[in-house]
Protein backbone atom coordinates (compact mmCIF):
# COMPACT_ATOMS: atom_id res chain seq x y z
CA MET A 1 51.18 -15.07 63.67
CA GLY A 2 52.85 -13.66 60.76
CA ARG A 3 53.97 -10.65 59.22
CA ILE A 4 51.83 -9.05 56.33
CA VAL A 5 53.14 -6.83 53.63
CA VAL A 6 50.17 -5.20 51.66
CA ILE A 7 50.82 -3.53 48.54
CA GLY A 8 48.83 -0.38 47.98
CA ALA A 9 45.91 1.37 50.30
CA GLY A 10 43.03 0.63 47.78
CA LEU A 11 39.73 -0.37 49.56
CA GLY A 12 40.17 -3.61 48.81
CA ALA A 13 43.52 -3.96 49.92
CA MET A 14 42.60 -2.23 53.52
CA ALA A 15 39.83 -4.61 53.47
CA THR A 16 42.52 -7.02 53.45
CA ALA A 17 44.62 -5.72 56.14
CA ALA A 18 41.99 -5.19 58.31
CA ARG A 19 40.73 -8.45 58.34
CA LEU A 20 44.47 -9.93 58.92
CA ALA A 21 44.93 -7.65 61.73
CA VAL A 22 42.04 -8.95 63.55
CA ALA A 23 43.28 -12.31 62.98
CA GLY A 24 46.16 -11.55 64.96
CA HIS A 25 48.79 -10.70 61.86
CA THR A 26 51.07 -7.82 61.99
CA VAL A 27 50.11 -5.58 59.04
CA THR A 28 52.15 -2.71 57.38
CA VAL A 29 50.86 -1.33 53.63
CA TYR A 30 52.98 0.38 51.34
CA GLU A 31 51.21 3.02 49.37
CA ARG A 32 52.84 4.67 46.61
CA THR A 33 50.68 7.92 46.78
CA SER A 34 50.20 10.01 49.91
CA THR A 35 47.08 8.98 50.79
CA TYR A 36 44.62 5.90 50.94
CA GLY A 37 41.75 5.03 48.91
CA GLY A 38 43.33 4.22 45.63
CA ALA A 39 40.24 5.06 43.10
CA VAL A 40 38.00 6.41 45.61
CA GLY A 41 39.36 9.84 45.37
CA ARG A 42 38.36 13.20 46.42
CA PHE A 43 38.56 16.64 44.55
CA GLU A 44 37.64 20.19 46.56
CA ARG A 45 37.79 23.55 45.28
CA GLU A 46 36.10 26.78 46.72
CA GLY A 47 33.94 24.72 49.13
CA PHE A 48 32.75 22.43 46.67
CA ALA A 49 33.43 18.87 46.84
CA PHE A 50 33.15 15.49 44.60
CA ASP A 51 33.89 11.92 44.42
CA THR A 52 36.63 11.27 41.75
CA GLY A 53 35.64 7.62 41.45
CA PRO A 54 32.52 5.75 42.24
CA GLY A 55 29.66 7.60 43.29
CA LEU A 56 27.43 4.82 44.75
CA LEU A 57 27.63 1.93 46.68
CA HIS A 58 26.07 -1.63 45.54
CA LEU A 59 26.03 -4.56 47.83
CA PRO A 60 26.78 -2.62 50.78
CA ALA A 61 26.52 -6.12 53.11
CA VAL A 62 30.11 -6.60 51.76
CA TYR A 63 31.32 -3.77 53.86
CA ARG A 64 28.70 -4.13 57.01
CA ASP A 65 30.35 -7.90 57.02
CA LEU A 66 33.86 -6.12 57.05
CA PHE A 67 32.42 -3.55 59.95
CA VAL A 68 31.28 -6.31 62.11
CA LYS A 69 33.95 -8.91 61.44
CA THR A 70 36.70 -6.43 62.34
CA GLY A 71 35.21 -4.31 65.04
CA LYS A 72 32.22 -3.19 67.34
CA LYS A 73 31.05 -0.57 65.49
CA PRO A 74 28.85 -1.69 62.77
CA LEU A 75 28.98 0.09 59.02
CA GLU A 76 26.01 2.49 59.49
CA GLU A 77 27.88 3.86 63.31
CA CYS A 78 30.59 4.98 60.78
CA VAL A 79 29.11 6.26 57.96
CA GLY A 80 25.55 7.70 56.73
CA LEU A 81 24.23 4.95 54.42
CA SER A 82 20.79 5.96 52.68
CA GLN A 83 19.30 4.37 49.55
CA VAL A 84 18.68 6.08 46.30
CA ASP A 85 15.32 6.26 45.01
CA PRO A 86 14.72 6.38 42.22
CA ALA A 87 17.59 4.53 41.40
CA ALA A 88 18.19 6.09 38.38
CA ARG A 89 16.28 8.36 35.62
CA HIS A 90 16.90 7.21 32.15
CA VAL A 91 16.55 9.92 29.30
CA PHE A 92 16.50 7.95 26.22
CA ALA A 93 17.75 9.46 22.86
CA ASP A 94 14.15 10.14 21.62
CA GLY A 95 13.51 11.94 24.38
CA THR A 96 11.43 9.49 26.02
CA ARG A 97 12.27 9.49 30.59
CA VAL A 98 11.54 6.93 32.76
CA ASP A 99 12.15 6.65 36.40
CA LEU A 100 13.16 3.49 37.81
CA PRO A 101 12.89 2.70 41.45
CA ASN A 102 15.42 1.46 43.87
CA ALA A 103 15.18 -2.36 44.63
CA SER A 104 11.85 -2.97 43.34
CA ARG A 105 11.40 -5.52 40.24
CA ALA A 106 7.66 -4.70 40.17
CA GLY A 107 8.09 -0.91 40.53
CA THR A 108 10.54 -1.48 37.38
CA VAL A 109 8.22 -3.33 35.44
CA ALA A 110 5.75 -0.83 35.97
CA ALA A 111 7.97 2.07 35.51
CA LEU A 112 9.12 0.50 32.14
CA GLU A 113 5.48 -0.53 30.97
CA ALA A 114 3.98 3.00 31.46
CA ALA A 115 6.61 5.11 29.89
CA LEU A 116 7.89 2.72 26.97
CA GLY A 117 4.47 1.09 25.76
CA ALA A 118 2.51 -2.30 26.36
CA GLY A 119 5.00 -5.19 26.78
CA ALA A 120 8.19 -3.17 27.48
CA GLY A 121 7.74 -3.73 31.31
CA GLU A 122 6.83 -7.40 30.53
CA ARG A 123 10.02 -8.35 28.15
CA TRP A 124 12.14 -6.73 30.86
CA GLY A 125 10.71 -8.75 33.89
CA ASP A 126 11.34 -11.92 31.38
CA PHE A 127 14.72 -11.14 31.03
CA LEU A 128 15.38 -10.47 34.65
CA THR A 129 13.95 -14.15 35.54
CA ARG A 130 16.66 -15.49 32.81
CA ALA A 131 19.26 -13.02 34.26
CA ARG A 132 18.60 -14.19 37.99
CA GLU A 133 19.25 -17.68 36.69
CA ALA A 134 22.64 -16.90 35.38
CA TRP A 135 23.21 -15.12 39.20
CA ASP A 136 22.32 -18.00 40.94
CA ARG A 137 24.47 -20.48 39.01
CA THR A 138 27.52 -18.41 39.28
CA ARG A 139 26.94 -16.23 42.49
CA ARG A 140 28.98 -18.62 44.84
CA PRO A 141 31.66 -19.76 42.95
CA LEU A 142 32.05 -16.03 41.34
CA LEU A 143 31.76 -14.14 44.40
CA GLU A 144 32.34 -15.83 47.35
CA GLU A 145 34.63 -18.68 46.90
CA PRO A 146 38.47 -18.44 45.58
CA GLN A 147 38.72 -18.66 42.10
CA PRO A 148 39.40 -22.29 41.50
CA ALA A 149 42.87 -23.51 40.03
CA ASP A 150 40.70 -24.89 36.83
CA PRO A 151 37.92 -22.37 36.32
CA LYS A 152 36.47 -24.44 33.83
CA ALA A 153 32.80 -24.22 35.45
CA LEU A 154 33.28 -20.32 35.23
CA ALA A 155 34.08 -20.89 31.90
CA ARG A 156 30.69 -21.82 30.71
CA GLU A 157 28.03 -19.33 29.67
CA PRO A 158 25.43 -19.32 32.35
CA TYR A 159 22.80 -16.91 30.97
CA PRO A 160 19.95 -19.90 29.65
CA ALA A 161 19.55 -20.40 26.18
CA LEU A 162 16.08 -19.42 24.50
CA LYS A 163 14.10 -22.07 23.31
CA ALA A 164 13.70 -21.79 19.08
CA GLY A 165 11.19 -24.64 18.17
CA LEU A 166 12.68 -27.85 19.39
CA LEU A 167 15.93 -26.60 19.87
CA ARG A 168 17.83 -24.38 22.38
CA ARG A 169 19.66 -21.15 20.93
CA PRO A 170 22.69 -20.35 22.97
CA THR A 171 23.18 -16.69 23.64
CA ARG A 172 26.80 -15.59 23.67
CA THR A 173 27.10 -11.84 23.92
CA LEU A 174 24.94 -9.14 25.96
CA ALA A 175 24.32 -7.49 22.21
CA GLN A 176 22.26 -10.40 21.39
CA VAL A 177 20.36 -10.49 24.79
CA GLY A 178 19.05 -7.27 23.73
CA GLU A 179 18.72 -8.08 19.99
CA ARG A 180 16.68 -11.08 20.59
CA GLU A 181 14.65 -10.42 23.78
CA LEU A 182 14.14 -6.73 24.58
CA ARG A 183 13.93 -5.50 20.86
CA ASP A 184 12.92 -2.11 21.63
CA PRO A 185 15.95 0.04 21.36
CA ARG A 186 15.15 1.72 24.51
CA LEU A 187 15.34 -1.69 26.40
CA VAL A 188 18.52 -2.13 24.47
CA ALA A 189 20.22 0.75 25.50
CA LEU A 190 19.08 0.91 29.11
CA LEU A 191 20.41 -2.87 29.37
CA ASP A 192 23.88 -1.75 27.35
CA SER A 193 24.27 1.05 29.89
CA TYR A 194 25.00 -1.50 32.78
CA ALA A 195 27.87 -2.93 31.10
CA GLU A 196 29.12 0.32 29.49
CA ALA A 197 29.17 1.60 33.07
CA TYR A 198 31.93 -0.80 33.91
CA GLY A 199 33.73 -0.23 30.39
CA PHE A 200 32.00 -3.80 28.81
CA PRO A 201 31.19 -3.50 24.96
CA PRO A 202 27.88 -4.76 24.85
CA ALA A 203 29.10 -6.46 21.19
CA SER A 204 31.53 -8.53 22.98
CA ALA A 205 30.52 -8.48 26.60
CA PRO A 206 29.25 -12.34 27.37
CA ALA A 207 25.90 -12.70 27.86
CA ALA A 208 26.57 -13.13 31.98
CA ALA A 209 27.02 -9.37 32.01
CA ALA A 210 22.77 -9.58 32.48
CA VAL A 211 23.84 -10.24 36.27
CA LEU A 212 25.04 -6.55 36.43
CA PRO A 213 21.37 -4.98 36.12
CA TYR A 214 19.65 -7.91 37.62
CA MET A 215 22.31 -7.07 40.68
CA GLU A 216 21.62 -3.62 41.08
CA GLN A 217 17.79 -3.77 40.53
CA THR A 218 17.60 -6.63 43.03
CA PHE A 219 20.08 -5.13 45.75
CA GLY A 220 19.58 -1.83 45.33
CA SER A 221 21.98 1.47 45.10
CA TRP A 222 23.17 3.32 48.22
CA TYR A 223 24.90 6.32 48.99
CA VAL A 224 27.14 7.52 51.55
CA ALA A 225 27.02 10.62 53.65
CA GLY A 226 29.71 12.93 52.66
CA GLY A 227 30.44 10.80 49.27
CA ILE A 228 32.07 7.63 48.72
CA ARG A 229 35.06 9.13 49.83
CA ALA A 230 33.82 8.81 53.30
CA LEU A 231 33.72 4.92 53.12
CA ALA A 232 37.16 4.86 52.58
CA ASP A 233 37.74 7.18 55.31
CA ALA A 234 36.09 4.79 57.71
CA VAL A 235 37.54 1.62 56.28
CA TYR A 236 41.17 3.40 56.68
CA GLU A 237 40.27 4.12 60.31
CA ARG A 238 38.95 0.97 61.01
CA CYS A 239 42.43 -0.51 59.73
CA ARG A 240 44.07 2.08 62.14
CA GLU A 241 41.95 0.70 64.89
CA ARG A 242 43.28 -2.38 64.03
CA ARG A 243 46.65 -1.26 64.38
CA VAL A 244 47.42 -1.52 60.72
CA GLU A 245 50.71 0.40 59.85
CA PHE A 246 50.58 2.80 56.71
CA VAL A 247 53.63 3.84 55.36
CA PHE A 248 52.65 6.17 52.55
CA ASP A 249 54.97 7.55 49.71
CA ALA A 250 56.39 4.45 49.31
CA PRO A 251 56.60 2.74 46.19
CA VAL A 252 57.38 -1.10 46.22
CA ASP A 253 59.67 -1.66 43.22
CA GLU A 254 59.58 -6.02 43.26
CA VAL A 255 58.53 -8.68 45.33
CA LEU A 256 61.21 -10.85 46.75
CA THR A 257 61.37 -14.26 46.57
CA GLU A 258 63.27 -17.35 47.64
CA GLY A 259 62.92 -20.59 46.36
CA GLU A 260 60.47 -19.25 44.45
CA ARG A 261 58.56 -18.40 47.44
CA ALA A 262 57.83 -14.52 48.26
CA VAL A 263 59.62 -13.66 51.53
CA GLY A 264 59.25 -9.68 51.38
CA VAL A 265 59.45 -6.40 49.07
CA ARG A 266 61.94 -4.15 47.86
CA LEU A 267 61.04 -0.31 48.14
CA GLU A 268 61.75 2.02 45.43
CA SER A 269 64.02 3.57 48.14
CA GLY A 270 66.37 0.20 48.26
CA GLU A 271 64.99 -0.95 51.56
CA ALA A 272 63.84 -4.82 51.81
CA VAL A 273 61.21 -5.59 54.11
CA GLU A 274 60.52 -9.17 55.05
CA ALA A 275 57.40 -10.74 55.12
CA ASP A 276 55.82 -14.38 55.56
CA HIS A 277 52.87 -13.03 53.33
CA VAL A 278 52.58 -10.54 50.71
CA VAL A 279 49.41 -9.08 49.26
CA VAL A 280 49.15 -7.14 46.21
CA GLY A 281 46.57 -4.63 45.82
CA ALA A 282 48.08 -2.92 42.93
CA PRO A 283 47.11 -3.80 39.18
CA VAL A 284 47.53 -6.91 37.73
CA PRO A 285 48.78 -8.89 35.43
CA GLU A 286 51.24 -6.17 34.91
CA LEU A 287 52.41 -7.28 37.92
CA TYR A 288 52.67 -10.74 37.00
CA ARG A 289 54.60 -10.00 34.03
CA GLU A 290 57.00 -7.43 34.95
CA GLN A 291 57.57 -7.96 38.76
CA VAL A 292 56.53 -11.20 40.16
CA LEU A 293 57.11 -13.57 37.32
CA PRO A 294 59.24 -11.95 34.78
CA TRP A 295 60.81 -15.39 34.06
CA ARG A 296 57.79 -16.31 32.69
CA SER A 297 56.13 -15.58 29.66
CA GLY A 298 53.37 -16.89 27.16
CA ASP A 299 49.63 -17.26 27.54
CA GLU A 300 49.59 -18.68 31.06
CA TRP A 301 49.97 -15.19 32.39
CA THR A 302 47.62 -13.44 29.38
CA ARG A 303 44.77 -15.20 29.92
CA PHE A 304 43.47 -12.46 32.77
CA GLN A 305 40.50 -10.03 32.29
CA ARG A 306 42.23 -7.06 29.92
CA HIS A 307 38.52 -5.71 29.34
CA GLY A 308 39.03 -2.39 31.62
CA THR A 309 38.56 1.10 29.65
CA SER A 310 39.21 3.95 31.39
CA ARG A 311 36.91 7.06 33.11
CA LEU A 312 36.54 10.56 31.82
CA THR A 313 34.90 12.91 34.07
CA VAL A 314 34.01 16.35 34.49
CA LEU A 315 33.22 18.17 37.89
CA LEU A 316 30.68 20.74 37.52
CA ALA A 317 30.38 23.61 40.37
CA LEU A 318 26.67 25.44 39.61
CA ARG A 319 25.25 28.14 41.26
CA GLY A 320 21.57 27.93 42.47
CA ALA A 321 20.09 25.26 44.40
CA ARG A 322 18.50 21.78 42.82
CA GLU A 323 15.24 22.08 41.84
CA GLU A 324 12.30 20.32 43.23
CA GLY A 325 12.09 16.84 41.59
CA ALA A 326 15.82 16.82 40.82
CA VAL A 327 17.05 12.98 41.10
CA HIS A 328 20.39 11.93 42.42
CA ARG A 329 21.65 9.76 39.28
CA THR A 330 20.30 10.21 35.65
CA VAL A 331 21.99 8.25 32.81
CA VAL A 332 21.51 10.60 29.67
CA HIS A 333 21.71 7.96 26.50
CA GLY A 334 23.35 9.08 23.20
CA ALA A 335 22.87 8.21 19.55
CA GLY A 336 25.20 7.27 16.87
CA ASP A 337 28.91 8.24 17.31
CA PRO A 338 29.77 8.32 21.20
CA LEU A 339 32.20 10.99 20.35
CA TYR A 340 29.58 13.53 19.36
CA THR A 341 26.60 12.06 21.43
CA PRO A 342 27.68 10.26 24.26
CA THR A 343 25.90 8.35 26.94
CA VAL A 344 26.53 9.68 30.29
CA THR A 345 25.96 9.16 33.96
CA VAL A 346 24.93 12.47 35.73
CA LEU A 347 25.13 12.58 39.64
CA ARG A 348 23.51 15.20 41.53
CA PRO A 349 23.71 13.85 45.32
CA ASP A 350 21.42 16.63 47.77
CA ASP A 351 24.53 16.56 50.37
CA PRO A 352 25.24 19.43 52.32
CA ALA A 353 28.92 18.38 52.74
CA LEU A 354 29.54 18.69 48.84
CA ARG A 355 28.51 22.31 48.39
CA PRO A 356 29.33 25.67 49.83
CA ASP A 357 25.55 26.40 50.71
CA ALA A 358 22.47 25.74 49.61
CA ASP A 359 22.26 28.28 46.92
CA HIS A 360 25.03 25.72 45.24
CA GLU A 361 25.29 22.55 43.87
CA SER A 362 28.06 20.14 42.98
CA VAL A 363 27.18 17.64 39.73
CA THR A 364 29.26 14.78 38.43
CA VAL A 365 29.11 13.61 35.13
CA SER A 366 31.31 10.81 34.04
CA MET A 367 31.62 8.22 30.91
CA MET A 368 34.17 5.01 30.18
CA LEU A 369 36.04 5.70 27.34
CA ASP A 370 37.23 2.98 24.83
CA MET A 371 39.81 3.80 22.03
CA VAL A 372 38.89 7.72 22.04
CA PRO A 373 42.51 9.00 21.88
CA GLU A 374 44.21 12.04 24.33
CA GLU A 375 43.62 14.75 21.75
CA ASP A 376 39.74 13.80 21.92
CA TRP A 377 39.40 14.50 25.49
CA ALA A 378 38.67 18.04 25.56
CA LYS A 379 36.18 18.01 22.74
CA LEU A 380 34.29 15.21 24.48
CA ALA A 381 34.34 16.75 27.86
CA ASP A 382 32.46 19.52 26.01
CA ARG A 383 30.02 17.25 24.44
CA MET A 384 29.58 15.12 28.11
CA VAL A 385 28.32 19.02 29.69
CA GLU A 386 25.96 19.18 26.46
CA ALA A 387 24.38 15.85 27.33
CA ALA A 388 24.44 16.77 30.98
CA ALA A 389 22.06 19.60 30.33
CA ALA A 390 19.14 16.75 29.51
CA ALA A 391 19.54 16.14 33.37
CA VAL A 392 20.15 19.52 34.90
CA PRO A 393 17.87 22.35 34.06
CA GLY A 394 19.75 25.65 33.25
CA LEU A 395 23.22 23.62 33.38
CA VAL A 396 24.86 26.16 31.24
CA GLU A 397 23.68 29.49 32.45
CA ARG A 398 24.31 27.96 36.32
CA LEU A 399 27.84 26.85 35.59
CA LEU A 400 30.46 28.38 38.06
CA TRP A 401 33.40 26.36 36.67
CA ARG A 402 34.39 22.78 35.68
CA GLU A 403 37.38 20.45 36.46
CA VAL A 404 37.90 17.41 34.05
CA ARG A 405 39.80 14.69 35.32
CA THR A 406 41.14 12.43 32.69
CA PRO A 407 42.48 9.00 32.57
CA GLU A 408 45.80 10.26 33.27
CA ASP A 409 44.43 11.45 36.51
CA VAL A 410 43.01 7.98 37.13
CA ARG A 411 46.39 6.37 36.24
CA LYS A 412 48.33 8.59 38.65
CA ALA A 413 45.71 7.65 41.49
CA THR A 414 45.84 4.19 40.84
CA GLY A 415 48.99 3.30 38.81
CA THR A 416 46.97 2.24 35.64
CA ALA A 417 44.37 4.36 33.35
CA GLU A 418 42.19 1.50 33.19
CA VAL A 419 39.50 0.69 35.33
CA PRO A 420 39.01 -2.90 35.88
CA GLY A 421 35.27 -4.64 35.80
CA PRO A 422 33.95 -7.06 37.99
CA ALA A 423 34.77 -10.82 36.69
CA LEU A 424 32.33 -12.56 34.49
CA ALA A 425 31.28 -16.35 33.81
CA SER A 426 31.68 -16.96 30.08
CA ALA A 427 33.06 -19.18 27.48
CA ARG A 428 37.10 -19.90 27.67
CA GLY A 429 36.87 -17.80 31.46
CA ASP A 430 38.08 -14.93 29.49
CA TRP A 431 36.14 -12.01 31.39
CA LEU A 432 37.70 -13.80 34.39
CA PRO A 433 40.49 -11.69 36.66
CA ALA A 434 43.48 -12.96 38.09
CA PRO A 435 42.78 -15.45 40.90
CA SER A 436 43.43 -14.29 44.61
CA LEU A 437 45.85 -17.14 45.04
CA SER A 438 48.89 -16.78 42.80
CA PRO A 439 51.75 -19.17 41.62
CA VAL A 440 54.03 -17.97 43.99
CA PRO A 441 53.71 -19.19 47.46
CA GLY A 442 53.05 -16.61 49.88
CA LEU A 443 51.62 -14.19 47.55
CA TYR A 444 48.42 -13.08 47.00
CA PHE A 445 46.35 -10.75 44.80
CA ALA A 446 43.14 -8.66 46.40
CA GLY A 447 41.33 -5.87 44.93
CA GLY A 448 39.67 -4.64 41.89
CA TRP A 449 42.12 -6.53 39.24
CA SER A 450 41.72 -9.47 40.96
CA HIS A 451 39.24 -12.03 41.63
CA PRO A 452 36.32 -11.55 41.98
CA GLY A 453 37.04 -7.94 39.92
CA GLY A 454 36.65 -4.23 40.36
CA GLY A 455 34.03 -2.19 41.80
CA LEU A 456 33.32 -1.25 45.36
CA ALA A 457 31.79 -4.49 46.71
CA HIS A 458 33.71 -6.81 44.57
CA ALA A 459 37.04 -5.16 45.86
CA GLY A 460 35.50 -5.65 49.35
CA MET A 461 34.94 -9.45 48.59
CA SER A 462 38.47 -9.70 47.50
CA GLY A 463 39.64 -8.64 51.00
CA ALA A 464 37.56 -11.49 52.52
CA LEU A 465 38.91 -14.11 50.00
CA VAL A 466 42.61 -13.16 50.76
CA ALA A 467 42.42 -13.33 54.25
CA GLY A 468 40.69 -16.60 54.35
CA LEU A 469 43.21 -17.92 52.32
CA ILE A 470 46.32 -16.71 54.28
CA VAL A 471 44.54 -17.38 57.77
CA GLU A 472 42.78 -20.88 56.37
CA GLY A 473 45.03 -21.89 53.92
CA ALA A 474 44.65 -23.01 50.37
CA GLU A 475 41.64 -25.30 51.31
CA PHE A 476 39.59 -22.11 52.40
CA ARG A 477 36.33 -22.39 50.35
CA GLY A 478 34.53 -18.72 51.37
CA SER A 479 31.98 -18.12 53.85
CA ARG A 480 29.07 -20.54 54.28
């Protein structure tokens, strides 16, 4: 068995490490910060606790598979896992509200029909039918297999073209899907919010982004007791059980190559560490351009997905208990200029682990940023709290204190201020991240900036793909 060096201790990198250790490899993880988890962080103050990254888990089967393949205790024995129902409450700019049930297409259609008027639910249901077609076309090559060397199959738009008379009219962007198929501005806002949650602008995101609401509404939203940070704790402990070694406060300066093959890493301290394989959980393509392949340039290394934007988060410590009928997640839709009326996601987990006592509440308000200058972050944080008042009765009167987490905090935790989104099939393959298998033999990429992209589930999938490539070789084609 070989010696494996893993750069970074994010969820995707740790998922890779655990799987490789079970296969008999000696695995050492070098993390530049003092803790594990990457974007899955935690902030604590005065008895309040908050997730500083993702707040919900989608496709928990990814982590169930990880725990089944790496030990005796299944996921549910390591973390408390529960479905969030309703999946979300949406508050639209005109004041209309609708609660969407968790993982129930029929329930979602009925809720939209009742709240938005006759025909609204039917139009959304028809859209989901087409979204499922896109999902069926891309699920395996996009999520379950390593990205092919020639990704032409993933460069085609999988969303079905609409029939207009005798001809079929292709739909190229998510904005066109909303305009042509949904028409109601509230349905359009609902659709847009799924893309915007990952920092994808609907006007430029491919129609294939329709798979994002399909996945959530089909497979559901889940909460981890104690917050998503508890999932990172559990994955870290599984790695330790499998004798993965972690070295913290150990930035990697470069990947060492010999004859154009990766043979180890050099730490910032100057120490050289030999390895048979190197797995990079750090952001790419920066590492392509600046550390791994500095002698190469041009379009060959710039096609990788660069659509990630950053996140602004406001953590709110409130006096007073949650009111009856409060929901876990509310999306408050803005109108007009996002700097003044932003669309925000408000998370209100009913979790004793996140509050001092039953007479207080921890609330997280977040939004993705796109081209908002740093000097406007403080003003935008104020607007976000104002918007959140639509989801939290009496918020202003209940507020004890707040903590603002900026893109700079994201950069400190992960190495880049950008937050990667999941891979999307589209024309030219512009929305694909870097492949798991690099052009340098012995070098692999795992985590949100590599195939199949960002998000907890996708990062976990990257671990399975990279482990398969190392254990079985380049002919590995994913689980069957």
